[in-house]
C-alpha atoms as a PDB file:
ATOM      1  CA  MET A   1    -271.679 -40.463 -73.701  1.00  0.00           C
ATOM      2  CA  ARG A   2    -268.303 -39.455 -71.467  1.00  0.00           C
ATOM      3  CA  LEU A   3    -265.979 -41.197 -73.819  1.00  0.00           C
ATOM      4  CA  LYS A   4    -267.444 -39.868 -77.359  1.00  0.00           C
ATOM      5  CA  GLY A   5    -264.967 -38.870 -79.590  1.00  0.00           C
ATOM      6  CA  LYS A   6    -262.049 -41.300 -77.782  1.00  0.00           C
ATOM      7  CA  LYS A   7    -260.668 -44.540 -79.729  1.00  0.00           C
ATOM      8  CA  VAL A   8    -259.590 -47.202 -78.284  1.00  0.00           C
ATOM      9  CA  LEU A   9    -257.425 -50.369 -79.025  1.00  0.00           C
ATOM     10  CA  SER A  10    -258.033 -53.748 -77.386  1.00  0.00           C
ATOM     11  CA  LEU A  11    -255.619 -56.663 -77.968  1.00  0.00           C
ATOM     12  CA  VAL A  12    -256.854 -60.194 -78.627  1.00  0.00           C
ATOM     13  CA  HIS A  13    -255.601 -64.040 -79.173  1.00  0.00           C
ATOM     14  CA  HIS A  14    -257.131 -67.562 -78.744  1.00  0.00           C
ATOM     15  CA  ASP A  15    -257.954 -68.144 -75.153  1.00  0.00           C
ATOM     16  CA  PHE A  16    -258.736 -64.482 -74.055  1.00  0.00           C
ATOM     17  CA  GLU A  17    -260.671 -64.171 -70.804  1.00  0.00           C
ATOM     18  CA  ASP A  18    -264.003 -63.403 -72.190  1.00  0.00           C
ATOM     19  CA  LEU A  19    -265.327 -61.530 -69.862  1.00  0.00           C
ATOM     20  CA  GLU A  20    -262.092 -59.167 -69.278  1.00  0.00           C
ATOM     21  CA  LEU A  21    -262.149 -58.947 -73.118  1.00  0.00           C
ATOM     22  CA  TRP A  22    -265.636 -58.303 -73.698  1.00  0.00           C
ATOM     23  CA  TYR A  23    -266.910 -56.019 -70.531  1.00  0.00           C
ATOM     24  CA  PRO A  24    -264.132 -53.324 -71.347  1.00  0.00           C
ATOM     25  CA  ILE A  25    -265.216 -53.064 -74.434  1.00  0.00           C
ATOM     26  CA  LEU A  26    -269.562 -52.839 -74.102  1.00  0.00           C
ATOM     27  CA  ARG A  27    -268.910 -50.329 -71.397  1.00  0.00           C
ATOM     28  CA  LEU A  28    -266.499 -48.154 -73.279  1.00  0.00           C
ATOM     29  CA  GLN A  29    -268.799 -48.330 -75.921  1.00  0.00           C
ATOM     30  CA  GLU A  30    -271.433 -47.352 -73.581  1.00  0.00           C
ATOM     31  CA  GLU A  31    -269.843 -44.696 -72.663  1.00  0.00           C
ATOM     32  CA  GLY A  32    -269.807 -43.703 -76.646  1.00  0.00           C
ATOM     33  CA  ALA A  33    -265.746 -44.661 -76.980  1.00  0.00           C
ATOM     34  CA  ALA A  34    -265.085 -46.541 -80.474  1.00  0.00           C
ATOM     35  CA  VAL A  35    -262.978 -49.580 -79.678  1.00  0.00           C
ATOM     36  CA  GLN A  36    -260.975 -51.655 -82.327  1.00  0.00           C
ATOM     37  CA  LEU A  37    -259.939 -55.353 -81.716  1.00  0.00           C
ATOM     38  CA  ALA A  38    -256.048 -55.931 -82.926  1.00  0.00           C
ATOM     39  CA  GLY A  39    -255.052 -59.848 -82.910  1.00  0.00           C
ATOM     40  CA  GLU A  40    -252.279 -61.631 -84.831  1.00  0.00           C
ATOM     41  CA  ASN A  41    -254.579 -61.397 -88.491  1.00  0.00           C
ATOM     42  CA  ALA A  42    -257.113 -58.695 -89.354  1.00  0.00           C
ATOM     43  CA  GLY A  43    -260.402 -60.842 -89.937  1.00  0.00           C
ATOM     44  CA  GLU A  44    -259.628 -63.409 -87.558  1.00  0.00           C
ATOM     45  CA  LYS A  45    -261.915 -65.370 -85.075  1.00  0.00           C
ATOM     46  CA  TYR A  46    -260.468 -65.413 -81.482  1.00  0.00           C
ATOM     47  CA  ILE A  47    -262.159 -67.846 -79.124  1.00  0.00           C
ATOM     48  CA  GLY A  48    -262.324 -66.884 -75.543  1.00  0.00           C
ATOM     49  CA  LYS A  49    -261.844 -69.318 -72.674  1.00  0.00           C
ATOM     50  CA  TYR A  50    -265.312 -70.162 -72.189  1.00  0.00           C
ATOM     51  CA  GLY A  51    -266.340 -70.176 -76.216  1.00  0.00           C
ATOM     52  CA  VAL A  52    -267.048 -66.553 -76.796  1.00  0.00           C
ATOM     53  CA  PRO A  53    -266.097 -65.328 -80.241  1.00  0.00           C
ATOM     54  CA  ALA A  54    -264.418 -62.119 -81.006  1.00  0.00           C
ATOM     55  CA  VAL A  55    -263.249 -60.818 -84.421  1.00  0.00           C
ATOM     56  CA  SER A  56    -260.111 -58.689 -84.818  1.00  0.00           C
ATOM     57  CA  ASP A  57    -260.472 -55.629 -86.936  1.00  0.00           C
ATOM     58  CA  LEU A  58    -257.006 -55.189 -87.829  1.00  0.00           C
ATOM     59  CA  SER A  59    -253.569 -57.138 -87.247  1.00  0.00           C
ATOM     60  CA  TYR A  60    -251.168 -56.127 -84.397  1.00  0.00           C
ATOM     61  CA  GLY A  61    -248.814 -55.039 -87.662  1.00  0.00           C
ATOM     62  CA  GLU A  62    -251.510 -52.436 -89.161  1.00  0.00           C
ATOM     63  CA  ILE A  63    -251.870 -50.569 -85.478  1.00  0.00           C
ATOM     64  CA  LYS A  64    -250.875 -47.057 -85.488  1.00  0.00           C
ATOM     65  CA  ALA A  65    -250.920 -46.421 -81.826  1.00  0.00           C
ATOM     66  CA  GLU A  66    -251.032 -42.447 -82.461  1.00  0.00           C
ATOM     67  CA  GLU A  67    -254.212 -42.593 -83.929  1.00  0.00           C
ATOM     68  CA  PHE A  68    -255.695 -44.605 -80.282  1.00  0.00           C
ATOM     69  CA  ASP A  69    -256.594 -42.476 -77.013  1.00  0.00           C
ATOM     70  CA  ALA A  70    -255.895 -45.686 -74.797  1.00  0.00           C
ATOM     71  CA  ILE A  71    -255.199 -49.578 -74.980  1.00  0.00           C
ATOM     72  CA  LEU A  72    -256.621 -52.310 -73.241  1.00  0.00           C
ATOM     73  CA  VAL A  73    -255.507 -55.717 -72.529  1.00  0.00           C
ATOM     74  CA  PRO A  74    -257.291 -58.682 -71.760  1.00  0.00           C
ATOM     75  CA  GLY A  75    -256.018 -61.601 -69.350  1.00  0.00           C
ATOM     76  CA  GLY A  76    -256.748 -65.184 -69.730  1.00  0.00           C
ATOM     77  CA  TRP A  77    -254.155 -67.451 -71.558  1.00  0.00           C
ATOM     78  CA  ALA A  78    -254.204 -64.873 -74.711  1.00  0.00           C
ATOM     79  CA  PRO A  79    -251.431 -62.330 -72.958  1.00  0.00           C
ATOM     80  CA  ASP A  80    -248.667 -65.543 -73.344  1.00  0.00           C
ATOM     81  CA  LYS A  81    -249.198 -65.004 -76.895  1.00  0.00           C
ATOM     82  CA  ILE A  82    -249.849 -61.488 -77.037  1.00  0.00           C
ATOM     83  CA  ARG A  83    -246.377 -60.619 -75.786  1.00  0.00           C
ATOM     84  CA  ARG A  84    -244.543 -62.551 -78.549  1.00  0.00           C
ATOM     85  CA  PHE A  85    -245.672 -59.944 -80.853  1.00  0.00           C
ATOM     86  CA  PRO A  86    -242.467 -57.197 -81.122  1.00  0.00           C
ATOM     87  CA  GLU A  87    -245.130 -54.485 -82.830  1.00  0.00           C
ATOM     88  CA  VAL A  88    -247.540 -55.033 -79.935  1.00  0.00           C
ATOM     89  CA  LEU A  89    -244.592 -54.103 -77.522  1.00  0.00           C
ATOM     90  CA  ALA A  90    -243.896 -51.076 -79.496  1.00  0.00           C
ATOM     91  CA  VAL A  91    -247.545 -49.844 -79.238  1.00  0.00           C
ATOM     92  CA  LEU A  92    -247.384 -50.373 -75.335  1.00  0.00           C
ATOM     93  CA  ARG A  93    -244.091 -48.730 -74.959  1.00  0.00           C
ATOM     94  CA  PHE A  94    -245.552 -46.084 -77.355  1.00  0.00           C
ATOM     95  CA  MET A  95    -248.752 -45.962 -75.020  1.00  0.00           C
ATOM     96  CA  GLU A  96    -246.674 -45.381 -72.029  1.00  0.00           C
ATOM     97  CA  GLU A  97    -244.319 -42.603 -73.300  1.00  0.00           C
ATOM     98  CA  GLN A  98    -247.497 -40.311 -74.248  1.00  0.00           C
ATOM     99  CA  LYS A  99    -248.972 -41.240 -70.613  1.00  0.00           C
ATOM    100  CA  LYS A 100    -252.366 -42.612 -72.701  1.00  0.00           C
ATOM    101  CA  PRO A 101    -254.471 -44.858 -70.576  1.00  0.00           C
ATOM    102  CA  ILE A 102    -252.890 -48.307 -70.448  1.00  0.00           C
ATOM    103  CA  GLY A 103    -255.474 -50.991 -68.593  1.00  0.00           C
ATOM    104  CA  GLN A 104    -254.766 -54.499 -68.012  1.00  0.00           C
ATOM    105  CA  ILE A 105    -255.861 -57.419 -65.984  1.00  0.00           C
ATOM    106  CA  CYS A 106    -255.255 -60.587 -64.526  1.00  0.00           C
ATOM    107  CA  HIS A 107    -252.235 -61.965 -66.551  1.00  0.00           C
ATOM    108  CA  ALA A 108    -252.041 -58.813 -68.854  1.00  0.00           C
ATOM    109  CA  GLY A 109    -249.136 -58.130 -66.712  1.00  0.00           C
ATOM    110  CA  TRP A 110    -247.331 -60.643 -69.016  1.00  0.00           C
ATOM    111  CA  VAL A 111    -247.866 -58.526 -72.142  1.00  0.00           C
ATOM    112  CA  LEU A 112    -246.601 -55.343 -70.016  1.00  0.00           C
ATOM    113  CA  ILE A 113    -243.609 -56.832 -68.125  1.00  0.00           C
ATOM    114  CA  SER A 114    -242.452 -57.605 -71.772  1.00  0.00           C
ATOM    115  CA  ALA A 115    -242.789 -54.498 -73.116  1.00  0.00           C
ATOM    116  CA  LYS A 116    -240.356 -53.564 -70.160  1.00  0.00           C
ATOM    117  CA  ILE A 117    -242.608 -50.621 -69.004  1.00  0.00           C
ATOM    118  CA  LEU A 118    -243.383 -51.741 -65.479  1.00  0.00           C
ATOM    119  CA  GLU A 119    -240.215 -50.189 -63.300  1.00  0.00           C
ATOM    120  CA  GLY A 120    -241.486 -48.446 -60.251  1.00  0.00           C
ATOM    121  CA  LYS A 121    -245.612 -48.683 -61.092  1.00  0.00           C
ATOM    122  CA  LYS A 122    -247.999 -49.711 -58.704  1.00  0.00           C
ATOM    123  CA  VAL A 123    -250.193 -52.171 -60.035  1.00  0.00           C
ATOM    124  CA  THR A 124    -252.714 -55.585 -59.531  1.00  0.00           C
ATOM    125  CA  SER A 125    -252.977 -58.625 -61.427  1.00  0.00           C
ATOM    126  CA  THR A 126    -254.023 -62.276 -60.707  1.00  0.00           C
ATOM    127  CA  PRO A 127    -252.040 -63.509 -57.673  1.00  0.00           C
ATOM    128  CA  GLY A 128    -250.458 -65.886 -59.865  1.00  0.00           C
ATOM    129  CA  ILE A 129    -248.229 -63.571 -61.694  1.00  0.00           C
ATOM    130  CA  LYS A 130    -247.089 -61.552 -58.514  1.00  0.00           C
ATOM    131  CA  ASP A 131    -243.983 -62.307 -58.705  1.00  0.00           C
ATOM    132  CA  ASP A 132    -243.285 -61.594 -62.212  1.00  0.00           C
ATOM    133  CA  MET A 133    -244.974 -58.208 -61.882  1.00  0.00           C
ATOM    134  CA  GLU A 134    -242.601 -57.773 -59.145  1.00  0.00           C
ATOM    135  CA  ASN A 135    -239.495 -59.367 -60.572  1.00  0.00           C
ATOM    136  CA  ALA A 136    -240.489 -56.636 -63.327  1.00  0.00           C
ATOM    137  CA  GLY A 137    -239.998 -53.567 -60.959  1.00  0.00           C
ATOM    138  CA  ALA A 138    -243.562 -52.781 -60.292  1.00  0.00           C
ATOM    139  CA  VAL A 139    -245.162 -52.475 -57.002  1.00  0.00           C
ATOM    140  CA  TRP A 140    -247.573 -55.198 -56.431  1.00  0.00           C
ATOM    141  CA  LEU A 141    -250.772 -54.719 -54.429  1.00  0.00           C
ATOM    142  CA  ASP A 142    -253.768 -57.100 -53.529  1.00  0.00           C
ATOM    143  CA  GLU A 143    -256.757 -54.700 -54.040  1.00  0.00           C
ATOM    144  CA  PRO A 144    -259.519 -54.789 -56.915  1.00  0.00           C
ATOM    145  CA  VAL A 145    -257.896 -51.809 -58.807  1.00  0.00           C
ATOM    146  CA  VAL A 146    -254.955 -49.781 -58.961  1.00  0.00           C
ATOM    147  CA  VAL A 147    -254.004 -46.839 -60.319  1.00  0.00           C
ATOM    148  CA  ASP A 148    -250.875 -45.387 -61.088  1.00  0.00           C
ATOM    149  CA  GLY A 149    -251.033 -42.085 -63.446  1.00  0.00           C
ATOM    150  CA  HIS A 150    -252.633 -43.502 -66.660  1.00  0.00           C
ATOM    151  CA  LEU A 151    -251.754 -47.349 -65.692  1.00  0.00           C
ATOM    152  CA  VAL A 152    -254.763 -49.122 -64.505  1.00  0.00           C
ATOM    153  CA  SER A 153    -254.790 -52.580 -63.671  1.00  0.00           C
ATOM    154  CA  SER A 154    -256.830 -54.886 -61.725  1.00  0.00           C
ATOM    155  CA  ARG A 155    -256.789 -58.732 -60.930  1.00  0.00           C
ATOM    156  CA  ARG A 156    -260.061 -60.858 -62.000  1.00  0.00           C
ATOM    157  CA  PRO A 157    -263.610 -61.031 -63.340  1.00  0.00           C
ATOM    158  CA  PRO A 158    -265.220 -60.000 -59.812  1.00  0.00           C
ATOM    159  CA  ASP A 159    -263.355 -56.805 -60.136  1.00  0.00           C
ATOM    160  CA  LEU A 160    -264.528 -55.756 -63.772  1.00  0.00           C
ATOM    161  CA  PRO A 161    -267.059 -52.833 -62.081  1.00  0.00           C
ATOM    162  CA  ASP A 162    -264.089 -51.398 -60.399  1.00  0.00           C
ATOM    163  CA  TYR A 163    -261.557 -51.874 -62.982  1.00  0.00           C
ATOM    164  CA  LEU A 164    -263.844 -49.942 -65.469  1.00  0.00           C
ATOM    165  CA  ARG A 165    -264.803 -47.497 -63.260  1.00  0.00           C
ATOM    166  CA  GLU A 166    -261.245 -45.972 -62.774  1.00  0.00           C
ATOM    167  CA  PHE A 167    -260.088 -46.600 -66.815  1.00  0.00           C
ATOM    168  CA  ILE A 168    -263.323 -44.475 -67.838  1.00  0.00           C
ATOM    169  CA  LYS A 169    -261.945 -41.771 -65.047  1.00  0.00           C
ATOM    170  CA  VAL A 170    -258.147 -42.086 -66.343  1.00  0.00           C
ATOM    171  CA  MET A 171    -259.369 -41.641 -69.925  1.00  0.00           C
ATOM    172  CA  GLU A 172    -261.914 -38.289 -69.075  1.00  0.00           C
ATOM    173  CA  GLU A 173    -258.960 -36.804 -67.451  1.00  0.00           C
ATOM    174  CA  LYS A 174    -256.672 -37.572 -70.641  1.00  0.00           C
END
């Protein structure tokens, strides 16, 4: 229970990549962290790309960033929707300013791009958004997981074990 007492926020919207949402949540819970899901609306059922549902605990507007120790952004097509909410971008900027762990995988980089927090950061993502990441000022690497301080990024579902191993280490250090 390495993360007992830690509170993690995970963002959700329709068409999330099922494994990229659920695997991190379950691993963090196994380590003792409490994980809350935030979506456009509280109590809404969101459906992943492969049909797995997730119900949000709170709405984006209800997020109190100071109450969380870390944040996760899943991939899939959900990031293209999530990044349209100013309150989500404000939460990410707060987490960046406070140097709290930020986890992003696959297309989740789109949300960090919109929050304007990638300038000079070493990251990875799905190769499909490599140009977007570089155009936002990031240094893109084709590796299973990249850790740059409190920012942990990963490419795709097969990289999830590496991603969570490093994310948990970063959380332990904070």
